[in-house]
PDBML (XML) file of the C-alpha atoms, coordinates in Angstrom:
<?xml version="1.0" encoding="UTF-8" ?>
<PDBx:datablock datablockName="MODEL"
   xmlns:PDBx="http://pdbml.pdb.org/schema/pdbx-v50.xsd"
   xmlns:xsi="http://www.w3.org/2001/XMLSchema-instance"
   xsi:schemaLocation="http://pdbml.pdb.org/schema/pdbx-v50.xsd pdbx-v50.xsd">
   <PDBx:atom_siteCategory>
      <PDBx:atom_site id="1">
         <PDBx:B_iso_or_equiv>0.00</PDBx:B_iso_or_equiv>
         <PDBx:Cartn_x>0.015</PDBx:Cartn_x>
         <PDBx:Cartn_y>0.006</PDBx:Cartn_y>
         <PDBx:Cartn_z>0.020</PDBx:Cartn_z>
         <PDBx:auth_asym_id>A</PDBx:auth_asym_id>
         <PDBx:auth_atom_id>CA</PDBx:auth_atom_id>
         <PDBx:auth_comp_id>LYS</PDBx:auth_comp_id>
         <PDBx:auth_seq_id>1</PDBx:auth_seq_id>
         <PDBx:group_PDB>ATOM</PDBx:group_PDB>
         <PDBx:label_alt_id xsi:nil="true" />
         <PDBx:label_asym_id>A</PDBx:label_asym_id>
         <PDBx:label_atom_id>CA</PDBx:label_atom_id>
         <PDBx:label_comp_id>LYS</PDBx:label_comp_id>
         <PDBx:label_entity_id>1</PDBx:label_entity_id>
         <PDBx:label_seq_id>1</PDBx:label_seq_id>
         <PDBx:occupancy>1.00</PDBx:occupancy>
         <PDBx:pdbx_PDB_model_num>1</PDBx:pdbx_PDB_model_num>
         <PDBx:type_symbol>C</PDBx:type_symbol>
      </PDBx:atom_site>
      <PDBx:atom_site id="2">
         <PDBx:B_iso_or_equiv>0.00</PDBx:B_iso_or_equiv>
         <PDBx:Cartn_x>2.840</PDBx:Cartn_x>
         <PDBx:Cartn_y>2.356</PDBx:Cartn_y>
         <PDBx:Cartn_z>0.832</PDBx:Cartn_z>
         <PDBx:auth_asym_id>A</PDBx:auth_asym_id>
         <PDBx:auth_atom_id>CA</PDBx:auth_atom_id>
         <PDBx:auth_comp_id>GLN</PDBx:auth_comp_id>
         <PDBx:auth_seq_id>2</PDBx:auth_seq_id>
         <PDBx:group_PDB>ATOM</PDBx:group_PDB>
         <PDBx:label_alt_id xsi:nil="true" />
         <PDBx:label_asym_id>A</PDBx:label_asym_id>
         <PDBx:label_atom_id>CA</PDBx:label_atom_id>
         <PDBx:label_comp_id>GLN</PDBx:label_comp_id>
         <PDBx:label_entity_id>1</PDBx:label_entity_id>
         <PDBx:label_seq_id>2</PDBx:label_seq_id>
         <PDBx:occupancy>1.00</PDBx:occupancy>
         <PDBx:pdbx_PDB_model_num>1</PDBx:pdbx_PDB_model_num>
         <PDBx:type_symbol>C</PDBx:type_symbol>
      </PDBx:atom_site>
      <PDBx:atom_site id="3">
         <PDBx:B_iso_or_equiv>0.00</PDBx:B_iso_or_equiv>
         <PDBx:Cartn_x>4.486</PDBx:Cartn_x>
         <PDBx:Cartn_y>1.680</PDBx:Cartn_y>
         <PDBx:Cartn_z>-2.559</PDBx:Cartn_z>
         <PDBx:auth_asym_id>A</PDBx:auth_asym_id>
         <PDBx:auth_atom_id>CA</PDBx:auth_atom_id>
         <PDBx:auth_comp_id>GLU</PDBx:auth_comp_id>
         <PDBx:auth_seq_id>3</PDBx:auth_seq_id>
         <PDBx:group_PDB>ATOM</PDBx:group_PDB>
         <PDBx:label_alt_id xsi:nil="true" />
         <PDBx:label_asym_id>A</PDBx:label_asym_id>
         <PDBx:label_atom_id>CA</PDBx:label_atom_id>
         <PDBx:label_comp_id>GLU</PDBx:label_comp_id>
         <PDBx:label_entity_id>1</PDBx:label_entity_id>
         <PDBx:label_seq_id>3</PDBx:label_seq_id>
         <PDBx:occupancy>1.00</PDBx:occupancy>
         <PDBx:pdbx_PDB_model_num>1</PDBx:pdbx_PDB_model_num>
         <PDBx:type_symbol>C</PDBx:type_symbol>
      </PDBx:atom_site>
      <PDBx:atom_site id="4">
         <PDBx:B_iso_or_equiv>0.00</PDBx:B_iso_or_equiv>
         <PDBx:Cartn_x>1.307</PDBx:Cartn_x>
         <PDBx:Cartn_y>1.649</PDBx:Cartn_y>
         <PDBx:Cartn_z>-4.573</PDBx:Cartn_z>
         <PDBx:auth_asym_id>A</PDBx:auth_asym_id>
         <PDBx:auth_atom_id>CA</PDBx:auth_atom_id>
         <PDBx:auth_comp_id>GLY</PDBx:auth_comp_id>
         <PDBx:auth_seq_id>4</PDBx:auth_seq_id>
         <PDBx:group_PDB>ATOM</PDBx:group_PDB>
         <PDBx:label_alt_id xsi:nil="true" />
         <PDBx:label_asym_id>A</PDBx:label_asym_id>
         <PDBx:label_atom_id>CA</PDBx:label_atom_id>
         <PDBx:label_comp_id>GLY</PDBx:label_comp_id>
         <PDBx:label_entity_id>1</PDBx:label_entity_id>
         <PDBx:label_seq_id>4</PDBx:label_seq_id>
         <PDBx:occupancy>1.00</PDBx:occupancy>
         <PDBx:pdbx_PDB_model_num>1</PDBx:pdbx_PDB_model_num>
         <PDBx:type_symbol>C</PDBx:type_symbol>
      </PDBx:atom_site>
      <PDBx:atom_site id="5">
         <PDBx:B_iso_or_equiv>0.00</PDBx:B_iso_or_equiv>
         <PDBx:Cartn_x>2.109</PDBx:Cartn_x>
         <PDBx:Cartn_y>-1.796</PDBx:Cartn_y>
         <PDBx:Cartn_z>-5.858</PDBx:Cartn_z>
         <PDBx:auth_asym_id>A</PDBx:auth_asym_id>
         <PDBx:auth_atom_id>CA</PDBx:auth_atom_id>
         <PDBx:auth_comp_id>ALA</PDBx:auth_comp_id>
         <PDBx:auth_seq_id>5</PDBx:auth_seq_id>
         <PDBx:group_PDB>ATOM</PDBx:group_PDB>
         <PDBx:label_alt_id xsi:nil="true" />
         <PDBx:label_asym_id>A</PDBx:label_asym_id>
         <PDBx:label_atom_id>CA</PDBx:label_atom_id>
         <PDBx:label_comp_id>ALA</PDBx:label_comp_id>
         <PDBx:label_entity_id>1</PDBx:label_entity_id>
         <PDBx:label_seq_id>5</PDBx:label_seq_id>
         <PDBx:occupancy>1.00</PDBx:occupancy>
         <PDBx:pdbx_PDB_model_num>1</PDBx:pdbx_PDB_model_num>
         <PDBx:type_symbol>C</PDBx:type_symbol>
      </PDBx:atom_site>
      <PDBx:atom_site id="6">
         <PDBx:B_iso_or_equiv>0.00</PDBx:B_iso_or_equiv>
         <PDBx:Cartn_x>-0.087</PDBx:Cartn_x>
         <PDBx:Cartn_y>-3.732</PDBx:Cartn_y>
         <PDBx:Cartn_z>-8.226</PDBx:Cartn_z>
         <PDBx:auth_asym_id>A</PDBx:auth_asym_id>
         <PDBx:auth_atom_id>CA</PDBx:auth_atom_id>
         <PDBx:auth_comp_id>ASP</PDBx:auth_comp_id>
         <PDBx:auth_seq_id>6</PDBx:auth_seq_id>
         <PDBx:group_PDB>ATOM</PDBx:group_PDB>
         <PDBx:label_alt_id xsi:nil="true" />
         <PDBx:label_asym_id>A</PDBx:label_asym_id>
         <PDBx:label_atom_id>CA</PDBx:label_atom_id>
         <PDBx:label_comp_id>ASP</PDBx:label_comp_id>
         <PDBx:label_entity_id>1</PDBx:label_entity_id>
         <PDBx:label_seq_id>6</PDBx:label_seq_id>
         <PDBx:occupancy>1.00</PDBx:occupancy>
         <PDBx:pdbx_PDB_model_num>1</PDBx:pdbx_PDB_model_num>
         <PDBx:type_symbol>C</PDBx:type_symbol>
      </PDBx:atom_site>
      <PDBx:atom_site id="7">
         <PDBx:B_iso_or_equiv>0.00</PDBx:B_iso_or_equiv>
         <PDBx:Cartn_x>0.616</PDBx:Cartn_x>
         <PDBx:Cartn_y>-7.244</PDBx:Cartn_y>
         <PDBx:Cartn_z>-6.839</PDBx:Cartn_z>
         <PDBx:auth_asym_id>A</PDBx:auth_asym_id>
         <PDBx:auth_atom_id>CA</PDBx:auth_atom_id>
         <PDBx:auth_comp_id>ALA</PDBx:auth_comp_id>
         <PDBx:auth_seq_id>7</PDBx:auth_seq_id>
         <PDBx:group_PDB>ATOM</PDBx:group_PDB>
         <PDBx:label_alt_id xsi:nil="true" />
         <PDBx:label_asym_id>A</PDBx:label_asym_id>
         <PDBx:label_atom_id>CA</PDBx:label_atom_id>
         <PDBx:label_comp_id>ALA</PDBx:label_comp_id>
         <PDBx:label_entity_id>1</PDBx:label_entity_id>
         <PDBx:label_seq_id>7</PDBx:label_seq_id>
         <PDBx:occupancy>1.00</PDBx:occupancy>
         <PDBx:pdbx_PDB_model_num>1</PDBx:pdbx_PDB_model_num>
         <PDBx:type_symbol>C</PDBx:type_symbol>
      </PDBx:atom_site>
      <PDBx:atom_site id="8">
         <PDBx:B_iso_or_equiv>0.00</PDBx:B_iso_or_equiv>
         <PDBx:Cartn_x>2.343</PDBx:Cartn_x>
         <PDBx:Cartn_y>-9.228</PDBx:Cartn_y>
         <PDBx:Cartn_z>-4.106</PDBx:Cartn_z>
         <PDBx:auth_asym_id>A</PDBx:auth_asym_id>
         <PDBx:auth_atom_id>CA</PDBx:auth_atom_id>
         <PDBx:auth_comp_id>ILE</PDBx:auth_comp_id>
         <PDBx:auth_seq_id>8</PDBx:auth_seq_id>
         <PDBx:group_PDB>ATOM</PDBx:group_PDB>
         <PDBx:label_alt_id xsi:nil="true" />
         <PDBx:label_asym_id>A</PDBx:label_asym_id>
         <PDBx:label_atom_id>CA</PDBx:label_atom_id>
         <PDBx:label_comp_id>ILE</PDBx:label_comp_id>
         <PDBx:label_entity_id>1</PDBx:label_entity_id>
         <PDBx:label_seq_id>8</PDBx:label_seq_id>
         <PDBx:occupancy>1.00</PDBx:occupancy>
         <PDBx:pdbx_PDB_model_num>1</PDBx:pdbx_PDB_model_num>
         <PDBx:type_symbol>C</PDBx:type_symbol>
      </PDBx:atom_site>
      <PDBx:atom_site id="9">
         <PDBx:B_iso_or_equiv>0.00</PDBx:B_iso_or_equiv>
         <PDBx:Cartn_x>4.531</PDBx:Cartn_x>
         <PDBx:Cartn_y>-12.171</PDBx:Cartn_y>
         <PDBx:Cartn_z>-4.949</PDBx:Cartn_z>
         <PDBx:auth_asym_id>A</PDBx:auth_asym_id>
         <PDBx:auth_atom_id>CA</PDBx:auth_atom_id>
         <PDBx:auth_comp_id>CYS</PDBx:auth_comp_id>
         <PDBx:auth_seq_id>9</PDBx:auth_seq_id>
         <PDBx:group_PDB>ATOM</PDBx:group_PDB>
         <PDBx:label_alt_id xsi:nil="true" />
         <PDBx:label_asym_id>A</PDBx:label_asym_id>
         <PDBx:label_atom_id>CA</PDBx:label_atom_id>
         <PDBx:label_comp_id>CYS</PDBx:label_comp_id>
         <PDBx:label_entity_id>1</PDBx:label_entity_id>
         <PDBx:label_seq_id>9</PDBx:label_seq_id>
         <PDBx:occupancy>1.00</PDBx:occupancy>
         <PDBx:pdbx_PDB_model_num>1</PDBx:pdbx_PDB_model_num>
         <PDBx:type_symbol>C</PDBx:type_symbol>
      </PDBx:atom_site>
      <PDBx:atom_site id="10">
         <PDBx:B_iso_or_equiv>0.00</PDBx:B_iso_or_equiv>
         <PDBx:Cartn_x>5.874</PDBx:Cartn_x>
         <PDBx:Cartn_y>-15.011</PDBx:Cartn_y>
         <PDBx:Cartn_z>-2.786</PDBx:Cartn_z>
         <PDBx:auth_asym_id>A</PDBx:auth_asym_id>
         <PDBx:auth_atom_id>CA</PDBx:auth_atom_id>
         <PDBx:auth_comp_id>HIS</PDBx:auth_comp_id>
         <PDBx:auth_seq_id>10</PDBx:auth_seq_id>
         <PDBx:group_PDB>ATOM</PDBx:group_PDB>
         <PDBx:label_alt_id xsi:nil="true" />
         <PDBx:label_asym_id>A</PDBx:label_asym_id>
         <PDBx:label_atom_id>CA</PDBx:label_atom_id>
         <PDBx:label_comp_id>HIS</PDBx:label_comp_id>
         <PDBx:label_entity_id>1</PDBx:label_entity_id>
         <PDBx:label_seq_id>10</PDBx:label_seq_id>
         <PDBx:occupancy>1.00</PDBx:occupancy>
         <PDBx:pdbx_PDB_model_num>1</PDBx:pdbx_PDB_model_num>
         <PDBx:type_symbol>C</PDBx:type_symbol>
      </PDBx:atom_site>
      <PDBx:atom_site id="11">
         <PDBx:B_iso_or_equiv>0.00</PDBx:B_iso_or_equiv>
         <PDBx:Cartn_x>8.183</PDBx:Cartn_x>
         <PDBx:Cartn_y>-17.979</PDBx:Cartn_y>
         <PDBx:Cartn_z>-3.470</PDBx:Cartn_z>
         <PDBx:auth_asym_id>A</PDBx:auth_asym_id>
         <PDBx:auth_atom_id>CA</PDBx:auth_atom_id>
         <PDBx:auth_comp_id>GLY</PDBx:auth_comp_id>
         <PDBx:auth_seq_id>11</PDBx:auth_seq_id>
         <PDBx:group_PDB>ATOM</PDBx:group_PDB>
         <PDBx:label_alt_id xsi:nil="true" />
         <PDBx:label_asym_id>A</PDBx:label_asym_id>
         <PDBx:label_atom_id>CA</PDBx:label_atom_id>
         <PDBx:label_comp_id>GLY</PDBx:label_comp_id>
         <PDBx:label_entity_id>1</PDBx:label_entity_id>
         <PDBx:label_seq_id>11</PDBx:label_seq_id>
         <PDBx:occupancy>1.00</PDBx:occupancy>
         <PDBx:pdbx_PDB_model_num>1</PDBx:pdbx_PDB_model_num>
         <PDBx:type_symbol>C</PDBx:type_symbol>
      </PDBx:atom_site>
      <PDBx:atom_site id="12">
         <PDBx:B_iso_or_equiv>0.00</PDBx:B_iso_or_equiv>
         <PDBx:Cartn_x>6.223</PDBx:Cartn_x>
         <PDBx:Cartn_y>-20.733</PDBx:Cartn_y>
         <PDBx:Cartn_z>-1.771</PDBx:Cartn_z>
         <PDBx:auth_asym_id>A</PDBx:auth_asym_id>
         <PDBx:auth_atom_id>CA</PDBx:auth_atom_id>
         <PDBx:auth_comp_id>CYS</PDBx:auth_comp_id>
         <PDBx:auth_seq_id>12</PDBx:auth_seq_id>
         <PDBx:group_PDB>ATOM</PDBx:group_PDB>
         <PDBx:label_alt_id xsi:nil="true" />
         <PDBx:label_asym_id>A</PDBx:label_asym_id>
         <PDBx:label_atom_id>CA</PDBx:label_atom_id>
         <PDBx:label_comp_id>CYS</PDBx:label_comp_id>
         <PDBx:label_entity_id>1</PDBx:label_entity_id>
         <PDBx:label_seq_id>12</PDBx:label_seq_id>
         <PDBx:occupancy>1.00</PDBx:occupancy>
         <PDBx:pdbx_PDB_model_num>1</PDBx:pdbx_PDB_model_num>
         <PDBx:type_symbol>C</PDBx:type_symbol>
      </PDBx:atom_site>
      <PDBx:atom_site id="13">
         <PDBx:B_iso_or_equiv>0.00</PDBx:B_iso_or_equiv>
         <PDBx:Cartn_x>5.865</PDBx:Cartn_x>
         <PDBx:Cartn_y>-24.142</PDBx:Cartn_y>
         <PDBx:Cartn_z>-3.412</PDBx:Cartn_z>
         <PDBx:auth_asym_id>A</PDBx:auth_asym_id>
         <PDBx:auth_atom_id>CA</PDBx:auth_atom_id>
         <PDBx:auth_comp_id>THR</PDBx:auth_comp_id>
         <PDBx:auth_seq_id>13</PDBx:auth_seq_id>
         <PDBx:group_PDB>ATOM</PDBx:group_PDB>
         <PDBx:label_alt_id xsi:nil="true" />
         <PDBx:label_asym_id>A</PDBx:label_asym_id>
         <PDBx:label_atom_id>CA</PDBx:label_atom_id>
         <PDBx:label_comp_id>THR</PDBx:label_comp_id>
         <PDBx:label_entity_id>1</PDBx:label_entity_id>
         <PDBx:label_seq_id>13</PDBx:label_seq_id>
         <PDBx:occupancy>1.00</PDBx:occupancy>
         <PDBx:pdbx_PDB_model_num>1</PDBx:pdbx_PDB_model_num>
         <PDBx:type_symbol>C</PDBx:type_symbol>
      </PDBx:atom_site>
      <PDBx:atom_site id="14">
         <PDBx:B_iso_or_equiv>0.00</PDBx:B_iso_or_equiv>
         <PDBx:Cartn_x>2.476</PDBx:Cartn_x>
         <PDBx:Cartn_y>-25.257</PDBx:Cartn_y>
         <PDBx:Cartn_z>-4.508</PDBx:Cartn_z>
         <PDBx:auth_asym_id>A</PDBx:auth_asym_id>
         <PDBx:auth_atom_id>CA</PDBx:auth_atom_id>
         <PDBx:auth_comp_id>GLY</PDBx:auth_comp_id>
         <PDBx:auth_seq_id>14</PDBx:auth_seq_id>
         <PDBx:group_PDB>ATOM</PDBx:group_PDB>
         <PDBx:label_alt_id xsi:nil="true" />
         <PDBx:label_asym_id>A</PDBx:label_asym_id>
         <PDBx:label_atom_id>CA</PDBx:label_atom_id>
         <PDBx:label_comp_id>GLY</PDBx:label_comp_id>
         <PDBx:label_entity_id>1</PDBx:label_entity_id>
         <PDBx:label_seq_id>14</PDBx:label_seq_id>
         <PDBx:occupancy>1.00</PDBx:occupancy>
         <PDBx:pdbx_PDB_model_num>1</PDBx:pdbx_PDB_model_num>
         <PDBx:type_symbol>C</PDBx:type_symbol>
      </PDBx:atom_site>
      <PDBx:atom_site id="15">
         <PDBx:B_iso_or_equiv>0.00</PDBx:B_iso_or_equiv>
         <PDBx:Cartn_x>2.918</PDBx:Cartn_x>
         <PDBx:Cartn_y>-28.345</PDBx:Cartn_y>
         <PDBx:Cartn_z>-2.312</PDBx:Cartn_z>
         <PDBx:auth_asym_id>A</PDBx:auth_asym_id>
         <PDBx:auth_atom_id>CA</PDBx:auth_atom_id>
         <PDBx:auth_comp_id>LYS</PDBx:auth_comp_id>
         <PDBx:auth_seq_id>15</PDBx:auth_seq_id>
         <PDBx:group_PDB>ATOM</PDBx:group_PDB>
         <PDBx:label_alt_id xsi:nil="true" />
         <PDBx:label_asym_id>A</PDBx:label_asym_id>
         <PDBx:label_atom_id>CA</PDBx:label_atom_id>
         <PDBx:label_comp_id>LYS</PDBx:label_comp_id>
         <PDBx:label_entity_id>1</PDBx:label_entity_id>
         <PDBx:label_seq_id>15</PDBx:label_seq_id>
         <PDBx:occupancy>1.00</PDBx:occupancy>
         <PDBx:pdbx_PDB_model_num>1</PDBx:pdbx_PDB_model_num>
         <PDBx:type_symbol>C</PDBx:type_symbol>
      </PDBx:atom_site>
      <PDBx:atom_site id="16">
         <PDBx:B_iso_or_equiv>0.00</PDBx:B_iso_or_equiv>
         <PDBx:Cartn_x>3.422</PDBx:Cartn_x>
         <PDBx:Cartn_y>-26.510</PDBx:Cartn_y>
         <PDBx:Cartn_z>0.967</PDBx:Cartn_z>
         <PDBx:auth_asym_id>A</PDBx:auth_asym_id>
         <PDBx:auth_atom_id>CA</PDBx:auth_atom_id>
         <PDBx:auth_comp_id>GLY</PDBx:auth_comp_id>
         <PDBx:auth_seq_id>16</PDBx:auth_seq_id>
         <PDBx:group_PDB>ATOM</PDBx:group_PDB>
         <PDBx:label_alt_id xsi:nil="true" />
         <PDBx:label_asym_id>A</PDBx:label_asym_id>
         <PDBx:label_atom_id>CA</PDBx:label_atom_id>
         <PDBx:label_comp_id>GLY</PDBx:label_comp_id>
         <PDBx:label_entity_id>1</PDBx:label_entity_id>
         <PDBx:label_seq_id>16</PDBx:label_seq_id>
         <PDBx:occupancy>1.00</PDBx:occupancy>
         <PDBx:pdbx_PDB_model_num>1</PDBx:pdbx_PDB_model_num>
         <PDBx:type_symbol>C</PDBx:type_symbol>
      </PDBx:atom_site>
      <PDBx:atom_site id="17">
         <PDBx:B_iso_or_equiv>0.00</PDBx:B_iso_or_equiv>
         <PDBx:Cartn_x>1.651</PDBx:Cartn_x>
         <PDBx:Cartn_y>-24.859</PDBx:Cartn_y>
         <PDBx:Cartn_z>3.821</PDBx:Cartn_z>
         <PDBx:auth_asym_id>A</PDBx:auth_asym_id>
         <PDBx:auth_atom_id>CA</PDBx:auth_atom_id>
         <PDBx:auth_comp_id>ASN</PDBx:auth_comp_id>
         <PDBx:auth_seq_id>17</PDBx:auth_seq_id>
         <PDBx:group_PDB>ATOM</PDBx:group_PDB>
         <PDBx:label_alt_id xsi:nil="true" />
         <PDBx:label_asym_id>A</PDBx:label_asym_id>
         <PDBx:label_atom_id>CA</PDBx:label_atom_id>
         <PDBx:label_comp_id>ASN</PDBx:label_comp_id>
         <PDBx:label_entity_id>1</PDBx:label_entity_id>
         <PDBx:label_seq_id>17</PDBx:label_seq_id>
         <PDBx:occupancy>1.00</PDBx:occupancy>
         <PDBx:pdbx_PDB_model_num>1</PDBx:pdbx_PDB_model_num>
         <PDBx:type_symbol>C</PDBx:type_symbol>
      </PDBx:atom_site>
      <PDBx:atom_site id="18">
         <PDBx:B_iso_or_equiv>0.00</PDBx:B_iso_or_equiv>
         <PDBx:Cartn_x>3.296</PDBx:Cartn_x>
         <PDBx:Cartn_y>-21.399</PDBx:Cartn_y>
         <PDBx:Cartn_z>3.506</PDBx:Cartn_z>
         <PDBx:auth_asym_id>A</PDBx:auth_asym_id>
         <PDBx:auth_atom_id>CA</PDBx:auth_atom_id>
         <PDBx:auth_comp_id>ASP</PDBx:auth_comp_id>
         <PDBx:auth_seq_id>18</PDBx:auth_seq_id>
         <PDBx:group_PDB>ATOM</PDBx:group_PDB>
         <PDBx:label_alt_id xsi:nil="true" />
         <PDBx:label_asym_id>A</PDBx:label_asym_id>
         <PDBx:label_atom_id>CA</PDBx:label_atom_id>
         <PDBx:label_comp_id>ASP</PDBx:label_comp_id>
         <PDBx:label_entity_id>1</PDBx:label_entity_id>
         <PDBx:label_seq_id>18</PDBx:label_seq_id>
         <PDBx:occupancy>1.00</PDBx:occupancy>
         <PDBx:pdbx_PDB_model_num>1</PDBx:pdbx_PDB_model_num>
         <PDBx:type_symbol>C</PDBx:type_symbol>
      </PDBx:atom_site>
      <PDBx:atom_site id="19">
         <PDBx:B_iso_or_equiv>0.00</PDBx:B_iso_or_equiv>
         <PDBx:Cartn_x>1.439</PDBx:Cartn_x>
         <PDBx:Cartn_y>-20.461</PDBx:Cartn_y>
         <PDBx:Cartn_z>0.328</PDBx:Cartn_z>
         <PDBx:auth_asym_id>A</PDBx:auth_asym_id>
         <PDBx:auth_atom_id>CA</PDBx:auth_atom_id>
         <PDBx:auth_comp_id>GLN</PDBx:auth_comp_id>
         <PDBx:auth_seq_id>19</PDBx:auth_seq_id>
         <PDBx:group_PDB>ATOM</PDBx:group_PDB>
         <PDBx:label_alt_id xsi:nil="true" />
         <PDBx:label_asym_id>A</PDBx:label_asym_id>
         <PDBx:label_atom_id>CA</PDBx:label_atom_id>
         <PDBx:label_comp_id>GLN</PDBx:label_comp_id>
         <PDBx:label_entity_id>1</PDBx:label_entity_id>
         <PDBx:label_seq_id>19</PDBx:label_seq_id>
         <PDBx:occupancy>1.00</PDBx:occupancy>
         <PDBx:pdbx_PDB_model_num>1</PDBx:pdbx_PDB_model_num>
         <PDBx:type_symbol>C</PDBx:type_symbol>
      </PDBx:atom_site>
      <PDBx:atom_site id="20">
         <PDBx:B_iso_or_equiv>0.00</PDBx:B_iso_or_equiv>
         <PDBx:Cartn_x>-1.770</PDBx:Cartn_x>
         <PDBx:Cartn_y>-20.719</PDBx:Cartn_y>
         <PDBx:Cartn_z>2.336</PDBx:Cartn_z>
         <PDBx:auth_asym_id>A</PDBx:auth_asym_id>
         <PDBx:auth_atom_id>CA</PDBx:auth_atom_id>
         <PDBx:auth_comp_id>VAL</PDBx:auth_comp_id>
         <PDBx:auth_seq_id>20</PDBx:auth_seq_id>
         <PDBx:group_PDB>ATOM</PDBx:group_PDB>
         <PDBx:label_alt_id xsi:nil="true" />
         <PDBx:label_asym_id>A</PDBx:label_asym_id>
         <PDBx:label_atom_id>CA</PDBx:label_atom_id>
         <PDBx:label_comp_id>VAL</PDBx:label_comp_id>
         <PDBx:label_entity_id>1</PDBx:label_entity_id>
         <PDBx:label_seq_id>20</PDBx:label_seq_id>
         <PDBx:occupancy>1.00</PDBx:occupancy>
         <PDBx:pdbx_PDB_model_num>1</PDBx:pdbx_PDB_model_num>
         <PDBx:type_symbol>C</PDBx:type_symbol>
      </PDBx:atom_site>
      <PDBx:atom_site id="21">
         <PDBx:B_iso_or_equiv>0.00</PDBx:B_iso_or_equiv>
         <PDBx:Cartn_x>-0.436</PDBx:Cartn_x>
         <PDBx:Cartn_y>-18.924</PDBx:Cartn_y>
         <PDBx:Cartn_z>5.397</PDBx:Cartn_z>
         <PDBx:auth_asym_id>A</PDBx:auth_asym_id>
         <PDBx:auth_atom_id>CA</PDBx:auth_atom_id>
         <PDBx:auth_comp_id>ARG</PDBx:auth_comp_id>
         <PDBx:auth_seq_id>21</PDBx:auth_seq_id>
         <PDBx:group_PDB>ATOM</PDBx:group_PDB>
         <PDBx:label_alt_id xsi:nil="true" />
         <PDBx:label_asym_id>A</PDBx:label_asym_id>
         <PDBx:label_atom_id>CA</PDBx:label_atom_id>
         <PDBx:label_comp_id>ARG</PDBx:label_comp_id>
         <PDBx:label_entity_id>1</PDBx:label_entity_id>
         <PDBx:label_seq_id>21</PDBx:label_seq_id>
         <PDBx:occupancy>1.00</PDBx:occupancy>
         <PDBx:pdbx_PDB_model_num>1</PDBx:pdbx_PDB_model_num>
         <PDBx:type_symbol>C</PDBx:type_symbol>
      </PDBx:atom_site>
      <PDBx:atom_site id="22">
         <PDBx:B_iso_or_equiv>0.00</PDBx:B_iso_or_equiv>
         <PDBx:Cartn_x>0.915</PDBx:Cartn_x>
         <PDBx:Cartn_y>-15.956</PDBx:Cartn_y>
         <PDBx:Cartn_z>3.307</PDBx:Cartn_z>
         <PDBx:auth_asym_id>A</PDBx:auth_asym_id>
         <PDBx:auth_atom_id>CA</PDBx:auth_atom_id>
         <PDBx:auth_comp_id>PHE</PDBx:auth_comp_id>
         <PDBx:auth_seq_id>22</PDBx:auth_seq_id>
         <PDBx:group_PDB>ATOM</PDBx:group_PDB>
         <PDBx:label_alt_id xsi:nil="true" />
         <PDBx:label_asym_id>A</PDBx:label_asym_id>
         <PDBx:label_atom_id>CA</PDBx:label_atom_id>
         <PDBx:label_comp_id>PHE</PDBx:label_comp_id>
         <PDBx:label_entity_id>1</PDBx:label_entity_id>
         <PDBx:label_seq_id>22</PDBx:label_seq_id>
         <PDBx:occupancy>1.00</PDBx:occupancy>
         <PDBx:pdbx_PDB_model_num>1</PDBx:pdbx_PDB_model_num>
         <PDBx:type_symbol>C</PDBx:type_symbol>
      </PDBx:atom_site>
      <PDBx:atom_site id="23">
         <PDBx:B_iso_or_equiv>0.00</PDBx:B_iso_or_equiv>
         <PDBx:Cartn_x>-2.160</PDBx:Cartn_x>
         <PDBx:Cartn_y>-15.578</PDBx:Cartn_y>
         <PDBx:Cartn_z>1.145</PDBx:Cartn_z>
         <PDBx:auth_asym_id>A</PDBx:auth_asym_id>
         <PDBx:auth_atom_id>CA</PDBx:auth_atom_id>
         <PDBx:auth_comp_id>GLU</PDBx:auth_comp_id>
         <PDBx:auth_seq_id>23</PDBx:auth_seq_id>
         <PDBx:group_PDB>ATOM</PDBx:group_PDB>
         <PDBx:label_alt_id xsi:nil="true" />
         <PDBx:label_asym_id>A</PDBx:label_asym_id>
         <PDBx:label_atom_id>CA</PDBx:label_atom_id>
         <PDBx:label_comp_id>GLU</PDBx:label_comp_id>
         <PDBx:label_entity_id>1</PDBx:label_entity_id>
         <PDBx:label_seq_id>23</PDBx:label_seq_id>
         <PDBx:occupancy>1.00</PDBx:occupancy>
         <PDBx:pdbx_PDB_model_num>1</PDBx:pdbx_PDB_model_num>
         <PDBx:type_symbol>C</PDBx:type_symbol>
      </PDBx:atom_site>
      <PDBx:atom_site id="24">
         <PDBx:B_iso_or_equiv>0.00</PDBx:B_iso_or_equiv>
         <PDBx:Cartn_x>-4.686</PDBx:Cartn_x>
         <PDBx:Cartn_y>-15.789</PDBx:Cartn_y>
         <PDBx:Cartn_z>3.993</PDBx:Cartn_z>
         <PDBx:auth_asym_id>A</PDBx:auth_asym_id>
         <PDBx:auth_atom_id>CA</PDBx:auth_atom_id>
         <PDBx:auth_comp_id>LEU</PDBx:auth_comp_id>
         <PDBx:auth_seq_id>24</PDBx:auth_seq_id>
         <PDBx:group_PDB>ATOM</PDBx:group_PDB>
         <PDBx:label_alt_id xsi:nil="true" />
         <PDBx:label_asym_id>A</PDBx:label_asym_id>
         <PDBx:label_atom_id>CA</PDBx:label_atom_id>
         <PDBx:label_comp_id>LEU</PDBx:label_comp_id>
         <PDBx:label_entity_id>1</PDBx:label_entity_id>
         <PDBx:label_seq_id>24</PDBx:label_seq_id>
         <PDBx:occupancy>1.00</PDBx:occupancy>
         <PDBx:pdbx_PDB_model_num>1</PDBx:pdbx_PDB_model_num>
         <PDBx:type_symbol>C</PDBx:type_symbol>
      </PDBx:atom_site>
   </PDBx:atom_siteCategory>
</PDBx:datablock>
């Protein structure tokens, strides 16, 4: 929000838990 960004990106694998944790 501070940067006025258009998207957020993470490097979590599609097999793991972290993708869910970050995105929620």
